[in-house]
Amino acid sequence: MKTNYNIVYNKYNNSTIDVLSINGKDWKTIIKNQNLEFKINLKNTNRKIIKKIIKNIEKITTKIRKKGETNKKITFYIINYNQNNQNHSDFIKAIEVVFIEKVEDRYNYIYDEVCSFLDNEFTNKKLCEFKDNKCGEKLKTSSEVGCCRHYKNKILGPLNLNGKLVICEYLKDKKCSAKCISCKLYTCDYLKNKGIQFKIKNILLLDIFFNPIQKYIIKYSVFTPKEIIIKKLLKKSIKS
């Protein structure tokens, strides 16, 4: 069951309801309307405000789904929106996530969006500074393998730091075949010393839609394929 919605940028009617102003007493009256129109002002918003807006939008969709009223028309009038602002773009994606009812589909969407963001950051900004098949960390060494290797023991696998250092089995033709979000989030000391680091709390979709245990899984499931990480996240989901 899918709830439909529409987004209108930088325009709004005076009769629209400000999402931030909604409180517990308003829900029953609001949901009765066939056409639901909400105003969202992105001017001077911080992460706390964004979280509250998303939480209120999720309450709207949850109540509509429980009533089975999928024919309602929902319009969000978003003002002070800047398409060149990464935070604003992430906010729009967060709204999309709210309207994905099936938890597995929701997690797959978030996973793919975050991986694409991280890939673009590393590729477009050339963060690893590759030269002659070597990253910046390895330029003065004979090694052409940077982060994509781990210690592996015959019994304990990559968990044993006393095992043999091997190239990741998912590295195929110098590309990752696992689509491991944990590896993509990782930054070595070379990058950290340059002030480059990707933290879960700074990535809106990961910060808002996952609980602490899931965030731990996302951060530390290195050298693990996407499908296995998704299964782990589903097991620890409050909604599933």
Protein backbone atom coordinates (compact mmCIF):
# COMPACT_ATOMS: atom_id res chain seq x y z
CA MET A 1 0.00 0.00 0.00
CA LYS A 2 1.61 3.21 -1.18
CA THR A 3 0.69 6.72 -0.12
CA ASN A 4 1.15 9.28 -2.89
CA TYR A 5 2.60 12.72 -2.35
CA ASN A 6 3.71 15.75 -4.29
CA ILE A 7 6.42 18.36 -3.62
CA VAL A 8 6.14 22.00 -4.70
CA TYR A 9 9.29 24.09 -4.35
CA ASN A 10 9.45 27.69 -3.12
CA LYS A 11 5.69 28.26 -3.32
CA TYR A 12 2.91 27.83 -0.79
CA ASN A 13 -0.66 28.74 0.03
CA ASN A 14 -1.51 30.73 3.14
CA SER A 15 -3.81 27.93 4.23
CA THR A 16 -1.08 25.29 4.38
CA ILE A 17 -0.11 23.81 7.73
CA ASP A 18 3.43 24.26 8.98
CA VAL A 19 4.75 20.74 9.67
CA LEU A 20 6.76 21.97 12.65
CA SER A 21 3.69 23.49 14.33
CA ILE A 22 1.73 20.22 14.46
CA ASN A 23 1.19 18.78 17.93
CA GLY A 24 -0.62 15.75 19.31
CA LYS A 25 -4.04 17.41 19.44
CA ASP A 26 -3.95 18.39 15.76
CA TRP A 27 -3.56 14.96 14.17
CA LYS A 28 -7.18 13.78 14.33
CA THR A 29 -8.47 16.95 12.67
CA ILE A 30 -5.74 17.07 10.04
CA ILE A 31 -6.11 13.46 8.91
CA LYS A 32 -9.84 13.97 8.25
CA ASN A 33 -9.05 16.20 5.27
CA GLN A 34 -8.94 14.63 1.82
CA ASN A 35 -6.31 17.07 0.56
CA LEU A 36 -3.43 17.49 2.99
CA GLU A 37 -1.17 20.48 2.40
CA PHE A 38 1.92 21.15 4.50
CA LYS A 39 4.49 23.91 4.50
CA ILE A 40 8.16 23.25 5.23
CA ASN A 41 10.58 26.14 5.59
CA LEU A 42 14.20 25.07 5.17
CA LYS A 43 15.64 28.47 6.09
CA ASN A 44 18.03 28.24 9.05
CA THR A 45 17.14 24.61 9.75
CA ASN A 46 19.53 22.44 11.74
CA ARG A 47 19.69 18.65 12.19
CA LYS A 48 17.39 18.74 15.24
CA ILE A 49 14.69 20.63 13.33
CA ILE A 50 15.07 18.38 10.28
CA LYS A 51 14.57 15.32 12.48
CA LYS A 52 11.39 16.78 13.95
CA ILE A 53 10.03 17.56 10.49
CA ILE A 54 10.72 14.03 9.25
CA LYS A 55 9.22 12.56 12.44
CA ASN A 56 6.02 14.54 11.92
CA ILE A 57 5.82 13.51 8.26
CA GLU A 58 6.24 9.89 9.31
CA LYS A 59 3.39 10.27 11.79
CA ILE A 60 1.20 11.57 8.97
CA THR A 61 1.94 8.61 6.69
CA THR A 62 1.59 6.08 9.52
CA LYS A 63 -1.86 7.33 10.51
CA ILE A 64 -3.02 7.36 6.87
CA ARG A 65 -1.79 3.80 6.32
CA LYS A 66 -3.50 2.54 9.47
CA LYS A 67 -6.78 3.97 8.20
CA GLY A 68 -6.19 2.50 4.74
CA GLU A 69 -6.86 5.88 3.13
CA THR A 70 -4.36 5.71 0.30
CA ASN A 71 -6.47 7.97 -1.93
CA LYS A 72 -5.58 11.08 0.05
CA LYS A 73 -3.62 13.78 -1.76
CA ILE A 74 -0.59 15.04 0.17
CA THR A 75 1.35 18.09 -0.96
CA PHE A 76 4.47 19.49 0.66
CA TYR A 77 5.26 23.13 -0.09
CA ILE A 78 8.98 23.50 0.55
CA ILE A 79 10.24 27.07 0.71
CA ASN A 80 13.80 28.38 0.80
CA TYR A 81 14.91 25.23 -0.98
CA ASN A 82 18.30 25.29 -2.69
CA GLN A 83 19.00 22.42 -5.09
CA ASN A 84 22.73 23.04 -4.73
CA ASN A 85 22.59 22.54 -0.97
CA GLN A 86 23.51 18.93 -0.11
CA ASN A 87 21.54 19.09 3.16
CA HIS A 88 18.41 20.16 1.27
CA SER A 89 18.86 17.38 -1.28
CA ASP A 90 19.29 14.84 1.51
CA PHE A 91 16.12 16.14 3.16
CA ILE A 92 14.11 15.47 -0.02
CA LYS A 93 15.50 11.93 -0.09
CA ALA A 94 14.47 11.52 3.54
CA ILE A 95 10.88 12.38 2.59
CA GLU A 96 11.07 9.72 -0.13
CA VAL A 97 12.21 7.19 2.48
CA VAL A 98 9.23 7.97 4.74
CA PHE A 99 6.86 7.05 1.92
CA ILE A 100 8.53 3.66 1.35
CA GLU A 101 6.40 1.39 3.51
CA LYS A 102 8.22 -1.94 3.21
CA VAL A 103 11.22 -1.89 5.54
CA GLU A 104 13.48 -3.93 3.26
CA ASP A 105 12.77 -1.61 0.31
CA ARG A 106 13.42 1.36 2.57
CA TYR A 107 16.79 0.03 3.69
CA ASN A 108 17.82 -0.84 0.13
CA TYR A 109 16.97 2.69 -1.00
CA ILE A 110 18.97 4.29 1.82
CA TYR A 111 21.88 1.90 1.31
CA ASP A 112 22.12 2.61 -2.41
CA GLU A 113 21.75 6.37 -2.00
CA VAL A 114 24.47 6.58 0.65
CA CYS A 115 26.82 4.34 -1.34
CA SER A 116 26.31 6.51 -4.43
CA PHE A 117 27.03 9.63 -2.37
CA LEU A 118 30.24 8.14 -0.96
CA ASP A 119 31.37 6.86 -4.37
CA ASN A 120 30.86 10.31 -5.86
CA GLU A 121 32.75 11.97 -3.01
CA PHE A 122 35.77 9.71 -3.39
CA THR A 123 35.72 9.69 -7.20
CA ASN A 124 34.80 13.26 -8.11
CA LYS A 125 37.00 14.83 -5.46
CA LYS A 126 39.79 12.29 -6.00
CA LEU A 127 40.17 11.94 -2.25
CA CYS A 128 42.52 8.97 -2.40
CA GLU A 129 44.88 10.78 -4.79
CA PHE A 130 45.61 7.76 -6.98
CA LYS A 131 48.74 7.89 -9.10
CA ASP A 132 50.27 4.97 -10.98
CA ASN A 133 47.70 2.62 -9.36
CA LYS A 134 48.71 3.72 -5.88
CA CYS A 135 46.70 5.76 -3.38
CA GLY A 136 48.23 8.70 -1.54
CA GLU A 137 48.97 6.52 1.48
CA LYS A 138 51.01 4.04 -0.59
CA LEU A 139 52.81 6.36 -3.03
CA LYS A 140 56.15 5.96 -1.28
CA THR A 141 55.83 2.17 -0.96
CA SER A 142 55.90 -0.78 -3.36
CA SER A 143 52.33 -1.77 -2.51
CA GLU A 144 49.44 -1.11 -4.88
CA VAL A 145 46.82 -2.31 -2.37
CA GLY A 146 45.52 0.21 0.14
CA CYS A 147 42.45 -0.32 2.32
CA CYS A 148 41.18 -3.38 0.46
CA ARG A 149 43.03 -5.99 2.49
CA HIS A 150 42.58 -7.61 5.87
CA TYR A 151 43.99 -10.23 8.22
CA LYS A 152 42.48 -13.65 7.70
CA ASN A 153 42.71 -16.79 9.78
CA LYS A 154 41.53 -20.17 8.44
CA ILE A 155 39.13 -20.56 11.38
CA LEU A 156 38.27 -17.03 12.53
CA GLY A 157 38.41 -15.36 9.13
CA PRO A 158 39.00 -11.58 9.13
CA LEU A 159 38.30 -11.38 12.88
CA ASN A 160 41.79 -12.57 13.80
CA LEU A 161 44.40 -9.80 13.62
CA ASN A 162 47.17 -12.40 13.96
CA GLY A 163 46.23 -14.10 10.72
CA LYS A 164 47.63 -13.62 7.24
CA LEU A 165 47.22 -10.22 5.55
CA VAL A 166 45.30 -10.88 2.33
CA ILE A 167 43.66 -8.83 -0.42
CA CYS A 168 39.90 -8.60 0.03
CA GLU A 169 38.16 -11.42 -1.85
CA TYR A 170 35.57 -8.94 -3.14
CA LEU A 171 38.13 -6.81 -4.96
CA LYS A 172 37.61 -7.70 -8.63
CA ASP A 173 39.49 -5.88 -11.40
CA LYS A 174 40.39 -3.13 -8.91
CA LYS A 175 36.68 -2.58 -8.11
CA CYS A 176 34.59 -3.64 -5.11
CA SER A 177 32.04 -6.35 -5.96
CA ALA A 178 30.54 -6.39 -2.44
CA LYS A 179 29.14 -2.84 -2.36
CA CYS A 180 30.07 -2.74 1.31
CA ILE A 181 28.80 0.47 2.92
CA SER A 182 31.11 0.01 5.91
CA CYS A 183 34.19 -0.03 3.69
CA LYS A 184 32.92 2.99 1.79
CA LEU A 185 32.51 4.92 5.06
CA TYR A 186 36.05 4.07 6.14
CA THR A 187 38.80 6.67 5.90
CA CYS A 188 42.44 5.86 6.60
CA ASP A 189 44.78 7.93 8.76
CA TYR A 190 46.17 9.59 5.64
CA LEU A 191 42.73 11.06 4.85
CA LYS A 192 41.86 11.78 8.48
CA ASN A 193 45.02 13.83 8.81
CA LYS A 194 43.71 15.94 5.92
CA GLY A 195 40.41 16.45 7.73
CA ILE A 196 38.46 13.97 5.60
CA GLN A 197 36.14 11.64 7.49
CA PHE A 198 32.62 10.30 6.93
CA LYS A 199 30.61 9.84 10.11
CA ILE A 200 27.18 8.24 10.32
CA LYS A 201 25.84 11.12 12.41
CA ASN A 202 26.68 13.52 9.57
CA ILE A 203 24.85 11.51 6.89
CA LEU A 204 21.16 12.34 7.27
CA LEU A 205 19.63 9.10 5.94
CA LEU A 206 21.81 6.94 8.20
CA ASP A 207 21.39 9.19 11.21
CA ILE A 208 17.58 9.42 11.11
CA PHE A 209 16.38 6.00 10.02
CA PHE A 210 18.62 3.59 11.95
CA ASN A 211 18.86 2.78 15.65
CA PRO A 212 22.18 2.59 17.57
CA ILE A 213 22.63 -1.16 17.03
CA GLN A 214 22.03 -0.77 13.30
CA LYS A 215 24.49 2.11 13.15
CA TYR A 216 27.08 -0.15 14.78
CA ILE A 217 26.43 -2.76 12.07
CA ILE A 218 26.75 -0.14 9.33
CA LYS A 219 30.04 1.14 10.71
CA TYR A 220 31.81 -2.12 11.46
CA SER A 221 30.60 -4.67 8.87
CA VAL A 222 33.70 -4.21 6.70
CA PHE A 223 34.50 -6.71 3.93
CA THR A 224 30.84 -7.77 3.92
CA PRO A 225 28.47 -7.84 0.89
CA LYS A 226 25.43 -5.59 0.77
CA GLU A 227 22.88 -8.42 1.01
CA ILE A 228 24.37 -9.68 4.28
CA ILE A 229 24.46 -6.19 5.81
CA ILE A 230 20.82 -5.60 4.80
CA LYS A 231 19.80 -8.87 6.49
CA LYS A 232 21.60 -7.81 9.67
CA LEU A 233 19.84 -4.44 9.62
CA LEU A 234 16.44 -6.06 9.14
CA LYS A 235 16.99 -8.34 12.15
CA LYS A 236 17.68 -5.32 14.34
CA SER A 237 14.85 -3.20 12.92
CA ILE A 238 12.14 -1.96 15.29
CA LYS A 239 9.66 -1.91 12.39
CA SER A 240 10.27 -5.42 11.11
